[in-house]
N, C-alpha and C. Protein backbone atom coordinates (compact mmCIF):
# COMPACT_ATOMS: atom_id res chain seq x y z
N MET A 1 276.71 -102.39 137.54
CA MET A 1 277.92 -101.89 136.93
C MET A 1 277.57 -100.78 135.95
N VAL A 2 278.41 -99.80 135.90
CA VAL A 2 278.24 -98.68 134.98
C VAL A 2 279.38 -98.71 133.98
N GLU A 3 279.04 -98.63 132.72
CA GLU A 3 280.06 -98.60 131.67
C GLU A 3 280.09 -97.21 131.06
N PRO A 4 281.17 -96.60 130.82
CA PRO A 4 282.52 -97.02 131.21
C PRO A 4 282.73 -96.88 132.71
N ALA A 5 283.78 -97.50 133.17
CA ALA A 5 284.04 -97.52 134.62
C ALA A 5 284.24 -96.11 135.20
N ALA A 6 284.65 -95.15 134.38
CA ALA A 6 284.87 -93.79 134.86
C ALA A 6 283.57 -93.04 135.11
N ALA A 7 282.45 -93.53 134.53
CA ALA A 7 281.16 -92.86 134.73
C ALA A 7 280.62 -93.18 136.11
N LEU A 8 280.03 -92.19 136.75
CA LEU A 8 279.48 -92.39 138.09
C LEU A 8 277.96 -92.31 138.05
N GLU A 9 277.31 -93.11 138.88
CA GLU A 9 275.86 -92.99 139.01
C GLU A 9 275.55 -91.76 139.86
N ARG A 10 274.40 -91.14 139.60
CA ARG A 10 273.99 -89.95 140.33
C ARG A 10 272.73 -90.27 141.12
N PHE A 11 272.66 -89.80 142.35
CA PHE A 11 271.55 -90.06 143.23
C PHE A 11 271.04 -88.77 143.84
N PHE A 12 269.84 -88.82 144.38
CA PHE A 12 269.37 -87.72 145.20
C PHE A 12 269.56 -88.11 146.66
N VAL A 13 269.62 -87.12 147.52
CA VAL A 13 269.71 -87.33 148.96
C VAL A 13 268.47 -86.70 149.55
N ALA A 14 267.71 -87.50 150.32
CA ALA A 14 266.45 -86.99 150.85
C ALA A 14 266.19 -87.53 152.25
N SER A 15 265.55 -86.69 153.04
CA SER A 15 265.04 -87.10 154.34
C SER A 15 263.58 -86.65 154.40
N GLU A 16 262.96 -86.78 155.54
CA GLU A 16 261.57 -86.35 155.67
C GLU A 16 261.42 -84.83 155.73
N THR A 17 262.55 -84.11 155.81
CA THR A 17 262.46 -82.65 155.95
C THR A 17 263.07 -81.86 154.79
N ALA A 18 263.97 -82.46 154.01
CA ALA A 18 264.60 -81.74 152.89
C ALA A 18 265.21 -82.75 151.93
N ALA A 19 265.51 -82.28 150.71
CA ALA A 19 266.17 -83.13 149.72
C ALA A 19 267.11 -82.28 148.88
N VAL A 20 268.18 -82.91 148.41
CA VAL A 20 269.12 -82.27 147.50
C VAL A 20 269.23 -83.15 146.26
N VAL A 21 269.06 -82.53 145.09
CA VAL A 21 269.16 -83.24 143.82
C VAL A 21 270.36 -82.67 143.07
N PRO A 22 271.36 -83.51 142.74
CA PRO A 22 272.51 -83.00 142.00
C PRO A 22 272.13 -82.63 140.57
N LEU A 23 272.77 -81.58 140.05
CA LEU A 23 272.55 -81.14 138.68
C LEU A 23 273.85 -81.18 137.90
N PRO A 24 273.77 -81.41 136.59
CA PRO A 24 274.98 -81.40 135.78
C PRO A 24 275.66 -80.02 135.82
N SER A 25 276.95 -80.04 135.69
CA SER A 25 277.72 -78.81 135.69
C SER A 25 277.42 -77.98 134.45
N PHE A 26 277.47 -76.68 134.61
CA PHE A 26 277.36 -75.79 133.46
C PHE A 26 278.72 -75.62 132.78
N ASP A 27 279.78 -76.12 133.41
CA ASP A 27 281.14 -75.91 132.94
C ASP A 27 281.75 -77.10 132.21
N GLY A 28 281.15 -78.29 132.31
CA GLY A 28 281.72 -79.48 131.67
C GLY A 28 280.70 -80.58 131.56
N ALA A 29 281.03 -81.60 130.79
CA ALA A 29 280.09 -82.68 130.51
C ALA A 29 279.98 -83.70 131.64
N GLU A 30 281.03 -83.94 132.38
CA GLU A 30 281.03 -85.01 133.38
C GLU A 30 280.77 -84.56 134.81
N GLY A 31 280.83 -83.27 135.08
CA GLY A 31 280.72 -82.80 136.45
C GLY A 31 279.29 -82.65 136.93
N PHE A 32 279.06 -82.95 138.17
CA PHE A 32 277.78 -82.71 138.86
C PHE A 32 278.12 -81.87 140.09
N ASP A 33 278.41 -80.59 139.86
CA ASP A 33 278.90 -79.75 140.95
C ASP A 33 277.88 -78.72 141.42
N ARG A 34 276.63 -78.91 141.05
CA ARG A 34 275.56 -78.03 141.49
C ARG A 34 274.39 -78.89 141.96
N GLY A 35 273.48 -78.27 142.70
CA GLY A 35 272.32 -79.03 143.17
C GLY A 35 271.17 -78.10 143.49
N VAL A 36 270.03 -78.72 143.71
CA VAL A 36 268.82 -77.99 144.08
C VAL A 36 268.36 -78.50 145.44
N LEU A 37 268.13 -77.59 146.36
CA LEU A 37 267.58 -77.91 147.66
C LEU A 37 266.07 -77.85 147.55
N LEU A 38 265.40 -78.95 147.84
CA LEU A 38 263.95 -79.03 147.71
C LEU A 38 263.26 -78.91 149.06
N SER A 39 262.02 -78.49 149.03
CA SER A 39 261.23 -78.30 150.24
C SER A 39 260.83 -79.63 150.87
N ARG A 40 260.20 -79.54 152.03
CA ARG A 40 259.76 -80.73 152.75
C ARG A 40 258.79 -81.55 151.91
N GLU A 41 257.85 -80.91 151.25
CA GLU A 41 256.84 -81.64 150.47
C GLU A 41 257.49 -82.44 149.34
N ALA A 42 258.44 -81.83 148.63
CA ALA A 42 259.14 -82.54 147.56
C ALA A 42 260.03 -83.64 148.13
N ALA A 43 260.64 -83.38 149.28
CA ALA A 43 261.51 -84.38 149.90
C ALA A 43 260.74 -85.62 150.28
N VAL A 44 259.55 -85.46 150.83
CA VAL A 44 258.72 -86.61 151.20
C VAL A 44 258.40 -87.44 149.96
N GLY A 45 258.10 -86.78 148.85
CA GLY A 45 257.82 -87.50 147.60
C GLY A 45 259.02 -88.28 147.12
N LEU A 46 260.23 -87.71 147.22
CA LEU A 46 261.43 -88.42 146.80
C LEU A 46 261.74 -89.60 147.72
N VAL A 47 261.49 -89.44 149.01
CA VAL A 47 261.70 -90.55 149.93
C VAL A 47 260.78 -91.71 149.56
N HIS A 48 259.52 -91.43 149.27
CA HIS A 48 258.59 -92.48 148.87
C HIS A 48 259.02 -93.13 147.56
N GLN A 49 259.49 -92.32 146.60
CA GLN A 49 259.95 -92.86 145.32
C GLN A 49 261.15 -93.77 145.53
N GLY A 50 262.09 -93.36 146.37
CA GLY A 50 263.26 -94.18 146.65
C GLY A 50 262.90 -95.49 147.32
N ARG A 51 261.94 -95.48 148.21
CA ARG A 51 261.51 -96.72 148.87
C ARG A 51 260.87 -97.68 147.88
N GLU A 52 260.10 -97.15 146.93
CA GLU A 52 259.45 -98.00 145.95
C GLU A 52 260.43 -98.57 144.93
N ALA A 53 261.52 -97.83 144.67
CA ALA A 53 262.52 -98.31 143.71
C ALA A 53 263.28 -99.46 144.31
C-alpha cells in the first residue's frame, strides 16, 4: 500500500533489448511524463535487478 492513496508507485519497464525509466515531470511535482530509453546493456542490468528484487 502507498500512502496517500493518490500517490502512485513508479517502475521501470525492461526487456533483454531495451528499457524505459520514467522521470519526474519538469512541470509539476506529481507527474512522471518523461522517460529515458536505455541501451541493451543497461536493460539487461535492470532485468537482473528486477529479478533479484
